[in-house]
Protein backbone atom coordinates (compact mmCIF):
# COMPACT_ATOMS: atom_id res chain seq x y z
CA MET A 1 -46.46 127.17 1.12
CA ALA A 2 -43.41 129.38 1.70
CA GLU A 3 -43.73 130.75 -1.80
CA GLU A 4 -47.38 131.74 -1.19
CA GLU A 5 -46.47 133.56 2.08
CA LYS A 6 -43.63 135.37 0.26
CA LYS A 7 -46.06 136.36 -2.49
CA LEU A 8 -48.52 137.76 0.07
CA GLU A 9 -45.75 139.78 1.77
CA GLN A 10 -44.76 141.24 -1.59
CA GLU A 11 -48.38 142.16 -2.28
CA ASN A 12 -48.70 143.84 1.12
CA ASP A 13 -45.44 145.75 0.68
CA SER A 14 -46.38 146.97 -2.78
CA PRO A 15 -47.86 150.45 -3.16
CA ILE A 16 -51.66 150.70 -3.03
CA GLN A 17 -53.06 150.95 -6.50
CA GLU A 18 -56.44 152.56 -7.08
CA THR A 19 -58.75 150.24 -8.90
CA VAL A 20 -61.26 151.84 -11.24
CA LYS A 21 -64.48 149.86 -11.56
CA PRO A 22 -66.27 149.60 -14.86
CA VAL A 23 -69.37 151.75 -15.27
CA GLU A 24 -71.56 148.66 -15.24
CA GLU A 25 -70.24 147.62 -11.78
CA VAL A 26 -70.74 151.13 -10.40
CA GLU A 27 -74.33 151.15 -11.60
CA GLU A 28 -74.83 147.69 -10.08
CA ASP A 29 -73.49 148.86 -6.68
CA PHE A 30 -75.71 151.92 -6.81
CA GLU A 31 -78.69 149.72 -7.54
CA VAL A 32 -77.80 147.54 -4.57
CA LEU A 33 -77.60 150.61 -2.33
CA LEU A 34 -81.03 151.73 -3.47
CA LYS A 35 -82.48 148.30 -2.70
CA GLN A 36 -80.83 148.27 0.69
CA GLU A 37 -82.22 151.70 1.44
CA ALA A 38 -85.69 150.64 0.37
CA SER A 39 -85.61 147.40 2.37
CA GLY A 40 -84.21 149.06 5.49
CA ALA A 41 -81.21 146.74 5.59
CA GLY A 42 -78.38 148.14 7.65
CA ARG A 43 -80.69 150.43 9.59
CA LEU A 44 -82.27 147.96 12.00
CA ALA A 45 -82.81 149.20 15.53
CA PRO A 46 -82.38 146.94 18.57
CA GLY A 47 -85.66 145.20 19.22
CA GLN A 48 -87.02 145.86 15.73
CA LYS A 49 -89.25 143.09 14.45
CA VAL A 50 -88.58 141.67 10.96
CA ARG A 51 -90.21 139.06 8.77
CA ALA A 52 -87.71 137.27 6.54
CA GLN A 53 -87.07 134.11 4.52
CA VAL A 54 -84.62 131.39 5.53
CA ILE A 55 -81.95 131.19 2.85
CA ALA A 56 -79.57 128.67 4.42
CA ILE A 57 -78.94 126.45 7.46
CA SER A 58 -75.33 125.75 8.29
CA GLY A 59 -73.86 124.38 11.48
CA ASP A 60 -75.34 126.22 14.47
CA ALA A 61 -76.76 129.12 12.45
CA VAL A 62 -79.89 129.77 10.44
CA TYR A 63 -79.39 132.49 7.81
CA ILE A 64 -82.22 134.80 6.80
CA ASP A 65 -82.50 137.28 3.95
CA LEU A 66 -82.73 140.91 5.15
CA GLY A 67 -82.84 142.27 1.61
CA GLY A 68 -80.25 144.04 -0.51
CA LYS A 69 -77.71 141.22 -0.20
CA SER A 70 -77.90 141.65 3.56
CA GLU A 71 -78.15 138.61 5.80
CA GLY A 72 -78.85 137.90 9.42
CA THR A 73 -78.28 134.89 11.64
CA ILE A 74 -80.39 133.16 14.25
CA ASP A 75 -79.10 130.41 16.54
CA ARG A 76 -80.24 127.05 15.14
CA SER A 77 -81.05 125.91 18.69
CA GLU A 78 -84.07 128.21 18.70
CA PHE A 79 -85.72 126.00 16.05
CA VAL A 80 -84.83 122.58 17.51
CA ASP A 81 -87.55 120.69 19.39
CA GLU A 82 -87.10 118.40 22.41
CA GLU A 83 -86.13 115.46 20.15
CA GLY A 84 -83.40 117.50 18.46
CA VAL A 85 -85.26 117.86 15.16
CA ALA A 86 -85.08 121.25 13.42
CA ARG A 87 -88.53 122.83 12.84
CA VAL A 88 -87.35 125.12 10.07
CA GLN A 89 -85.95 124.61 6.58
CA THR A 90 -84.72 126.67 3.67
CA GLY A 91 -87.52 128.74 2.12
CA ASP A 92 -89.54 129.10 5.33
CA THR A 93 -90.55 132.58 6.50
CA VAL A 94 -89.81 133.45 10.12
CA GLU A 95 -90.38 136.43 12.44
CA ALA A 96 -87.49 137.58 14.58
CA PHE A 97 -86.20 140.52 16.58
CA PHE A 98 -82.96 142.27 15.82
CA VAL A 99 -80.45 142.07 18.69
CA SER A 100 -77.11 143.55 17.64
CA VAL A 101 -74.21 143.45 15.19
CA GLN A 102 -71.32 141.30 16.38
CA ASN A 103 -68.17 140.94 14.27
CA GLY A 104 -70.04 142.34 11.30
CA VAL A 105 -72.85 139.79 11.60
CA ARG A 106 -76.43 140.84 12.29
CA ARG A 107 -77.79 138.71 15.14
CA LEU A 108 -81.51 138.12 15.59
CA THR A 109 -83.66 136.01 17.90
CA THR A 110 -87.13 134.52 17.92
CA ARG A 111 -87.21 133.45 21.56
CA ILE A 112 -87.10 136.56 23.71
CA ARG A 113 -90.54 138.15 23.62
CA GLY A 114 -93.03 136.24 25.71
CA TYR A 115 -90.61 133.39 26.41
CA SER A 116 -89.80 132.60 30.02
CA THR A 117 -87.17 129.85 29.74
CA LEU A 118 -84.24 131.95 28.59
CA THR A 119 -80.56 131.33 28.93
CA LEU A 120 -78.18 133.91 30.34
CA ALA A 121 -77.01 134.72 26.81
CA GLU A 122 -80.58 135.31 25.69
CA ILE A 123 -81.19 137.65 28.64
CA ARG A 124 -78.11 139.55 27.54
CA ASP A 125 -79.54 139.71 24.02
CA ALA A 126 -82.82 141.03 25.45
CA PHE A 127 -80.87 143.74 27.30
CA GLU A 128 -79.01 144.75 24.14
CA ALA A 129 -82.15 144.70 21.99
CA ASP A 130 -84.29 146.45 24.63
CA LEU A 131 -86.78 143.59 24.49
CA PRO A 132 -88.97 142.32 27.35
CA VAL A 133 -88.58 138.98 29.11
CA ASN A 134 -91.02 136.99 31.21
CA GLY A 135 -90.17 136.33 34.82
CA LYS A 136 -91.80 134.87 37.91
CA VAL A 137 -91.67 136.77 41.21
CA LYS A 138 -90.23 134.28 43.68
CA SER A 139 -89.77 136.16 46.96
CA GLU A 140 -89.32 139.52 48.64
CA LEU A 141 -85.81 140.77 49.37
CA LYS A 142 -84.39 143.87 50.96
CA GLY A 143 -85.31 146.71 48.62
CA GLY A 144 -87.21 144.62 46.09
CA PHE A 145 -88.13 141.21 44.71
CA GLU A 146 -86.28 138.14 43.48
CA VAL A 147 -87.48 137.30 39.95
CA ASN A 148 -86.72 134.03 38.18
CA VAL A 149 -86.21 134.35 34.41
CA GLY A 150 -85.67 130.91 32.89
CA GLY A 151 -83.67 129.76 35.90
CA VAL A 152 -81.63 132.96 36.07
CA ARG A 153 -81.92 134.82 39.39
CA CYS A 154 -82.72 138.51 38.77
CA PHE A 155 -83.70 141.49 40.93
CA CYS A 156 -86.58 143.98 40.61
CA PRO A 157 -86.63 147.03 42.97
CA PHE A 158 -89.85 147.88 44.79
CA SER A 159 -90.16 151.08 42.75
CA GLN A 160 -90.02 149.14 39.46
CA ILE A 161 -92.64 146.44 40.11
CA ASP A 162 -95.66 148.67 39.41
CA LEU A 163 -96.77 152.18 38.45
CA ARG A 164 -97.45 152.98 42.08
CA ASN A 165 -94.70 152.96 44.69
CA THR A 166 -94.75 149.64 46.52
CA LYS A 167 -92.46 148.80 49.44
CA THR A 168 -93.95 145.45 50.37
CA ASN A 169 -97.00 143.69 49.09
CA GLY A 170 -97.60 139.94 48.96
CA GLU A 171 -99.89 140.19 45.92
CA TYR A 172 -96.88 139.99 43.55
CA ILE A 173 -95.35 136.79 44.95
CA GLY A 174 -95.88 133.86 42.59
CA GLU A 175 -97.07 136.01 39.70
CA THR A 176 -95.45 136.03 36.25
CA PHE A 177 -94.99 139.37 34.51
CA ALA A 178 -93.15 140.82 31.53
CA PHE A 179 -90.04 142.82 32.51
CA LYS A 180 -87.44 144.96 30.81
CA VAL A 181 -83.78 144.33 31.57
CA LEU A 182 -82.49 147.57 33.12
CA GLU A 183 -78.97 146.36 33.87
CA TYR A 184 -76.87 143.39 32.79
CA GLY A 185 -73.59 143.38 34.68
CA GLU A 186 -70.87 141.11 35.98
CA ASP A 187 -71.48 138.59 33.19
CA GLY A 188 -75.05 138.04 34.30
CA LYS A 189 -74.47 138.01 38.05
CA ASN A 190 -76.22 141.37 38.39
CA VAL A 191 -79.44 141.51 36.34
CA VAL A 192 -81.90 144.27 37.29
CA LEU A 193 -85.44 144.22 35.90
CA SER A 194 -88.29 146.71 35.61
CA ARG A 195 -91.96 146.02 35.09
CA ARG A 196 -92.84 149.68 35.56
CA LEU A 197 -91.13 150.76 32.31
CA LEU A 198 -93.31 148.38 30.30
CA LEU A 199 -96.46 149.57 32.09
CA GLU A 200 -95.53 153.18 31.38
CA GLU A 201 -94.90 152.40 27.71
CA GLN A 202 -98.23 150.61 27.54
CA LYS A 203 -99.99 153.49 29.25
CA GLN A 204 -98.35 155.99 26.89
CA ALA A 205 -99.41 153.95 23.86
CA GLU A 206 -102.98 153.77 25.16
CA ALA A 207 -102.93 157.50 25.87
CA GLU A 208 -101.78 158.34 22.33
CA LYS A 209 -104.45 156.09 20.91
CA LEU A 210 -107.08 157.69 23.15
CA LYS A 211 -105.98 161.23 22.25
CA ALA A 212 -106.90 160.67 18.63
CA THR A 213 -110.52 159.91 19.60
CA LEU A 214 -111.18 162.73 22.09
CA GLU A 215 -113.17 165.87 21.27
CA VAL A 216 -114.51 168.80 23.28
CA GLY A 217 -118.05 168.04 24.42
CA MET A 218 -117.58 164.28 24.83
CA GLU A 219 -118.86 162.58 27.99
CA LEU A 220 -116.62 159.87 29.45
CA GLN A 221 -116.41 157.50 32.39
CA GLY A 222 -113.31 157.65 34.57
CA LYS A 223 -111.85 156.98 37.99
CA ILE A 224 -110.52 159.60 40.37
CA ARG A 225 -106.76 159.12 40.61
CA SER A 226 -105.94 162.04 42.93
CA VAL A 227 -107.84 164.59 45.03
CA GLN A 228 -106.18 168.00 45.36
CA LYS A 229 -107.24 171.38 46.74
CA PHE A 230 -107.41 172.80 43.21
CA GLY A 231 -109.38 169.92 41.68
CA LEU A 232 -109.57 166.24 40.75
CA PHE A 233 -107.30 164.19 38.50
CA VAL A 234 -109.40 161.62 36.65
CA ASP A 235 -107.99 158.58 34.84
CA LEU A 236 -109.84 158.05 31.57
CA GLY A 237 -108.06 154.80 30.77
CA GLY A 238 -104.41 155.59 30.24
CA LEU A 239 -104.86 159.35 30.12
CA ASP A 240 -105.43 161.78 32.99
CA GLY A 241 -107.60 164.88 32.88
CA LEU A 242 -108.15 167.63 35.45
CA VAL A 243 -111.49 168.73 36.85
CA PRO A 244 -110.73 172.21 38.29
CA ALA A 245 -112.41 173.12 41.57
CA SER A 246 -114.56 175.65 39.69
CA GLU A 247 -115.96 172.80 37.52
CA ILE A 248 -116.91 170.47 40.39
CA GLY A 249 -120.44 171.82 40.78
CA TRP A 250 -122.59 174.94 40.91
CA SER A 251 -122.05 175.36 44.65
CA ARG A 252 -118.73 176.09 46.35
CA THR A 253 -116.96 173.06 47.82
CA GLU A 254 -114.43 173.95 50.50
CA ASN A 255 -113.01 170.44 51.09
CA LEU A 256 -113.03 168.15 48.04
CA GLY A 257 -111.69 165.29 50.16
CA GLU A 258 -114.98 165.14 52.05
CA GLN A 259 -116.99 164.68 48.86
CA PHE A 260 -114.67 162.59 46.64
CA ALA A 261 -112.32 159.62 47.11
CA VAL A 262 -109.52 158.02 45.10
CA GLY A 263 -110.89 155.20 42.95
CA GLN A 264 -114.39 156.69 42.80
CA GLU A 265 -116.02 156.37 39.39
CA VAL A 266 -117.33 159.60 37.86
CA THR A 267 -118.84 160.80 34.59
CA VAL A 268 -117.12 163.88 33.16
CA LYS A 269 -117.43 166.12 30.13
CA ILE A 270 -114.46 167.39 28.11
CA ILE A 271 -114.44 171.21 28.05
CA GLY A 272 -110.87 171.87 26.91
CA ILE A 273 -108.07 170.13 24.98
CA ASP A 274 -104.52 171.47 24.60
CA TRP A 275 -102.14 168.70 23.56
CA GLN A 276 -99.25 171.16 23.12
CA LYS A 277 -99.35 171.78 26.86
CA ASN A 278 -100.58 168.22 27.49
CA ARG A 279 -103.74 169.52 29.17
CA LEU A 280 -107.15 167.89 29.20
CA THR A 281 -109.75 169.89 31.11
CA LEU A 282 -112.86 168.11 32.37
CA SER A 283 -116.06 169.17 34.10
CA LEU A 284 -118.63 167.64 36.40
CA LYS A 285 -120.66 170.85 36.54
CA ALA A 286 -121.30 170.80 32.79
CA LEU A 287 -123.40 167.66 33.24
CA LEU A 288 -125.64 169.29 35.85
CA ALA A 289 -128.71 171.40 35.10
CA ASP A 290 -127.97 175.13 34.90
CA PRO A 291 -129.81 176.78 37.83
CA TRP A 292 -129.99 180.05 35.84
CA GLU A 293 -131.90 178.46 32.94
CA ASP A 294 -135.37 179.38 34.28
CA ILE A 295 -134.33 182.05 36.79
CA GLU A 296 -137.14 184.45 35.84
CA GLN A 297 -139.78 181.80 36.54
CA LYS A 298 -138.22 180.62 39.80
CA TYR A 299 -137.66 184.11 41.15
CA PRO A 300 -140.29 186.50 39.74
CA VAL A 301 -140.05 190.22 40.51
CA ASP A 302 -141.38 191.16 43.98
CA SER A 303 -141.31 187.53 45.17
CA LYS A 304 -140.04 186.81 48.68
CA VAL A 305 -136.85 184.72 48.99
CA SER A 306 -134.46 183.63 51.73
CA GLY A 307 -130.83 182.63 51.86
CA SER A 308 -127.46 182.88 53.56
CA VAL A 309 -125.05 185.81 53.29
CA VAL A 310 -121.94 184.43 51.55
CA ARG A 311 -119.94 187.58 50.80
CA LEU A 312 -119.83 191.26 51.73
CA ALA A 313 -118.44 193.85 49.32
CA PRO A 314 -118.26 197.66 49.52
CA PHE A 315 -121.14 197.90 47.05
CA GLY A 316 -123.46 195.31 48.62
CA ALA A 317 -124.06 191.81 49.99
CA PHE A 318 -124.32 188.49 48.12
CA ILE A 319 -127.07 186.12 49.26
CA ASN A 320 -126.94 182.44 48.24
CA LEU A 321 -130.44 181.23 47.40
CA GLU A 322 -129.51 177.79 46.00
CA PRO A 323 -126.38 176.04 44.65
CA GLY A 324 -125.01 178.26 41.89
CA VAL A 325 -127.41 181.17 42.42
CA ASP A 326 -126.30 184.24 44.39
CA GLY A 327 -128.39 187.39 44.53
CA LEU A 328 -126.99 190.87 45.19
CA VAL A 329 -128.49 193.29 47.68
CA HIS A 330 -127.08 196.67 46.65
CA ILE A 331 -125.92 198.88 49.48
CA SER A 332 -128.71 201.34 48.62
CA ASN A 333 -131.25 198.63 49.49
CA LEU A 334 -129.76 197.71 52.87
CA GLY A 335 -130.56 200.71 55.06
CA ALA A 336 -134.37 200.86 54.92
CA GLY A 337 -134.21 204.62 54.51
CA ARG A 338 -131.02 205.28 56.45
CA ARG A 339 -127.58 205.77 55.00
CA VAL A 340 -125.23 202.72 55.13
CA GLN A 341 -121.49 203.14 54.61
CA HIS A 342 -120.69 199.38 54.33
CA PRO A 343 -122.86 196.22 54.30
CA LYS A 344 -121.09 194.96 57.44
CA GLU A 345 -123.05 197.59 59.38
CA VAL A 346 -126.21 195.62 58.63
CA LEU A 347 -125.22 192.03 57.80
CA GLU A 348 -122.54 189.43 58.49
CA VAL A 349 -121.36 186.38 56.53
CA GLY A 350 -123.39 183.28 57.38
CA GLN A 351 -126.44 185.23 58.47
CA TRP A 352 -129.80 183.95 57.22
CA VAL A 353 -131.95 186.71 55.75
CA GLU A 354 -135.19 187.26 53.87
CA ALA A 355 -135.30 189.50 50.81
CA HIS A 356 -137.44 190.49 47.86
CA VAL A 357 -136.58 190.19 44.17
CA LEU A 358 -136.10 193.45 42.29
CA SER A 359 -135.03 191.95 38.94
CA ALA A 360 -133.77 188.68 37.39
CA ASP A 361 -131.61 188.52 34.25
CA ARG A 362 -130.79 185.03 32.93
CA ALA A 363 -128.50 186.23 30.14
CA ALA A 364 -126.38 188.37 32.48
CA ARG A 365 -126.75 185.84 35.33
CA LYS A 366 -127.75 188.63 37.70
CA LEU A 367 -130.36 188.63 40.45
CA SER A 368 -131.02 191.91 42.27
CA LEU A 369 -132.54 191.81 45.75
CA THR A 370 -133.68 194.18 48.46
CA LEU A 371 -134.14 193.61 52.17
CA ALA A 372 -137.30 195.77 52.15
CA PRO A 373 -140.22 194.82 49.90
CA LYS A 374 -140.45 196.92 46.76
CA VAL A 375 -143.33 199.37 46.90
CA LYS A 376 -145.19 199.64 43.62
CA GLN A 377 -145.29 203.17 42.24
CA GLU A 378 -148.97 202.91 41.28
CA GLU A 379 -149.94 202.25 44.89
CA LEU A 380 -148.53 205.62 45.96
CA PRO A 381 -149.91 209.04 45.05
CA LEU A 382 -147.97 210.62 42.20
CA PRO A 383 -146.87 214.24 42.59
CA VAL A 384 -148.20 217.05 40.43
CA VAL A 385 -146.04 218.86 37.90
CA GLY A 386 -144.87 222.09 39.48
CA ASP A 387 -144.79 220.80 43.03
CA ILE A 388 -141.69 221.50 45.10
CA MET A 389 -140.98 218.53 47.32
CA ASP A 390 -138.42 217.26 49.83
CA GLY A 391 -136.53 214.05 49.14
CA THR A 392 -133.44 211.93 49.88
CA VAL A 393 -130.74 210.89 47.41
CA ASP A 394 -131.19 207.16 46.75
CA ARG A 395 -128.61 206.47 44.01
CA VAL A 396 -126.06 208.50 42.09
CA MET A 397 -125.71 207.41 38.48
CA PRO A 398 -123.50 208.77 35.65
CA TYR A 399 -126.57 210.38 34.04
CA GLY A 400 -128.24 211.79 37.16
CA LEU A 401 -129.58 211.29 40.70
CA PHE A 402 -132.45 209.09 41.82
CA VAL A 403 -134.31 210.81 44.66
CA ARG A 404 -136.84 209.16 46.95
CA LEU A 405 -139.57 211.74 47.64
CA SER A 406 -141.31 212.18 50.95
CA THR A 407 -144.39 210.37 49.56
CA GLY A 408 -142.36 207.20 48.93
CA VAL A 409 -142.02 207.39 45.15
CA THR A 410 -138.70 207.83 43.36
CA GLY A 411 -137.84 210.28 40.60
CA LEU A 412 -134.80 211.17 38.49
CA ILE A 413 -132.90 214.45 38.35
CA PRO A 414 -130.94 214.51 35.05
CA ASN A 415 -127.46 216.05 35.26
CA ALA A 416 -128.66 219.00 33.17
CA GLU A 417 -131.20 219.83 35.90
CA MET A 418 -128.76 219.69 38.80
CA GLY A 419 -127.74 223.36 38.58
CA THR A 420 -124.08 222.48 39.05
CA VAL A 421 -120.98 223.25 37.00
CA LYS A 422 -120.28 220.72 34.23
CA GLY A 423 -117.96 217.98 35.46
CA THR A 424 -119.03 218.22 39.11
CA ASN A 425 -118.63 215.00 41.06
CA HIS A 426 -122.23 214.45 42.15
CA SER A 427 -121.48 211.28 44.11
CA ARG A 428 -119.16 213.30 46.34
CA MET A 429 -121.35 216.42 46.56
CA PHE A 430 -124.64 214.51 46.99
CA PRO A 431 -123.84 211.09 48.57
CA GLN A 432 -126.59 208.60 49.26
CA GLY A 433 -128.92 209.83 52.00
CA THR A 434 -128.42 213.55 51.29
CA GLU A 435 -131.61 215.54 51.81
CA ILE A 436 -132.54 217.61 48.79
CA GLN A 437 -135.39 219.80 47.55
CA VAL A 438 -136.66 219.27 44.02
CA LEU A 439 -139.19 220.55 41.53
CA VAL A 440 -141.47 218.08 39.77
CA THR A 441 -141.12 218.78 36.03
CA GLY A 442 -142.80 215.71 34.53
CA VAL A 443 -144.97 212.73 35.50
CA GLU A 444 -145.82 209.68 33.34
CA THR A 445 -148.92 208.20 34.92
CA ASP A 446 -148.80 205.01 32.84
CA THR A 447 -145.22 204.09 33.78
CA GLY A 448 -144.89 205.94 37.07
CA LYS A 449 -141.72 207.73 35.90
CA ILE A 450 -141.11 211.08 37.57
CA ARG A 451 -138.76 213.75 36.24
CA LEU A 452 -137.30 216.21 38.75
CA SER A 453 -135.16 219.34 38.75
CA ARG A 454 -132.91 220.84 41.37
CA SER A 455 -132.07 224.03 39.45
CA GLY A 456 -135.77 224.65 38.84
CA VAL A 457 -136.39 225.00 42.55
CA SER A 458 -134.54 228.31 42.85
CA ASP A 459 -136.14 229.64 39.67
CA ARG A 460 -139.55 228.67 40.95
CA VAL A 461 -138.92 230.21 44.37
CA GLU A 462 -137.78 233.52 42.81
CA LYS A 463 -140.82 233.59 40.54
CA ASP A 464 -143.21 232.85 43.40
CA GLU A 465 -141.56 235.50 45.60
CA TYR A 466 -141.79 238.14 42.85
CA LYS A 467 -145.44 237.28 42.21
CA HIS A 468 -146.24 237.44 45.89
CA TYR A 469 -144.44 240.78 46.20
CA SER A 470 -146.29 242.30 43.23
CA GLU A 471 -149.66 241.19 44.53
CA SER A 472 -148.93 242.56 48.00
CA VAL A 473 -147.86 245.98 46.58
CA LYS A 474 -150.99 246.33 44.49
CA ALA A 475 -153.18 245.41 47.37
CA ALA A 476 -151.48 247.97 49.62
CA GLU A 477 -151.77 250.74 47.04
CA LYS A 478 -155.41 250.06 46.46
CA ALA A 479 -156.17 250.08 50.15
CA SER A 480 -154.36 253.39 50.77
CA GLY A 481 -155.86 255.23 47.76
CA SER A 482 -152.41 256.45 46.73
CA LEU A 483 -151.63 257.73 43.28
CA GLY A 484 -150.08 254.42 42.48
CA SER A 485 -146.79 253.68 41.06
CA LEU A 486 -144.83 255.94 38.76
CA GLY A 487 -145.75 253.66 35.88
CA ASP A 488 -149.45 254.10 36.59
CA LEU A 489 -149.09 257.92 36.69
CA LEU A 490 -147.28 257.98 33.39
CA ARG A 491 -149.87 255.71 31.82
CA GLU A 492 -152.72 257.90 33.03
CA LYS A 493 -151.00 261.07 31.77
CA PHE A 494 -150.42 259.47 28.39
CA GLN A 495 -154.04 258.38 28.17
CA GLY A 496 -155.17 261.97 29.06
CA LYS A 497 -153.15 263.46 26.28
CA ALA A 498 -154.71 261.04 23.91
């Protein structure tokens, strides 16, 4: 014995000699490494599930083959029944969960997941492997609940018992749930559990699975999870989507809390998906009939309508006729012949008014109204070309001025007929309500369109004045018997010479 110890000391004191392996051994090691890499041996994560064959049973350990000459051990007690008989033998295939590496040995277990009668050591293994344990909620304590896991007294805070914050609720007492071990301290005297983490993981898994099936345009059932000023959060079964306030309905809803409640079931339509920003946009309005679909039939031109003033703008007033349909009364159609600077001079928000339809455009979603009924052009006498008439500026457009004539009909003065310098601001020089004199230059009897001219008025006046002057001179000369004008004398003298 002394000689063997002396030999070992001499070997330890001798210089380290590099041993060169034969090529065959190097190739064999490389092959082993490849097999280990392929089988995943050596790269097991805590909690990872494996399926392996029992290769040996010795003492208190059952050895399983992890591939690539890698082995793992499972406590033999996990396979012993109440009578002490082992329920496993060499060659059997078992499923186990990887726990940790201790002293170079890979430790696995078959008893943690779904098993409620665990020992303190097995709870520690569950903590290290990040595996769930089953526990029964025994009672309520200060700040949380007492949970019994296989006879081990554990603690679960109120905030970790469910997805929602719960301070005290008797519904959990006596129930058995799966928990994760958050903390394992003081050799098992301080074990903290969480059910919420498992619920969140489950919800996330369900959400990822649901994401793969969702498409824009799909209709889904859900429950309202939260009501906010800007919209509704709807739970679609593990995944939340937002219904913006603008997608609630066709009418404006000031207080969503008065119309919707948490837990209420709703049917929604997906109108937008952006997984990069984790956004799912839903709509309730998209499932409702579009009130503009048959707008021309519901509101024909010249029909009488009524509604409430919902908004005043510098250019006119918006009248709500039905949910989702607002008509505009332009400021030029508010004054009934008098000039209006702002709609507030005539109307106020909330006022109920009657109006008449001027035009309806489904494609543009526009409905034009007037407070005074529209007078049909054909019911009024059309002017005659050449007439000079008085009128009032009705509208100033980029291409000219619309003028309402004294007879009630309306005509257009093109910019070229305004008699102003190019580039003149007509809206400033001739604001709505300005009285103006025009010359009728064209009339289309079939359409009722009237073409007017402002510059033609002065030309016409000069021509009429010259004609009147010439006629009055001739009449005076004839009455007085005078020799006539110098032109007449020269003409007569020329004719005499001829």
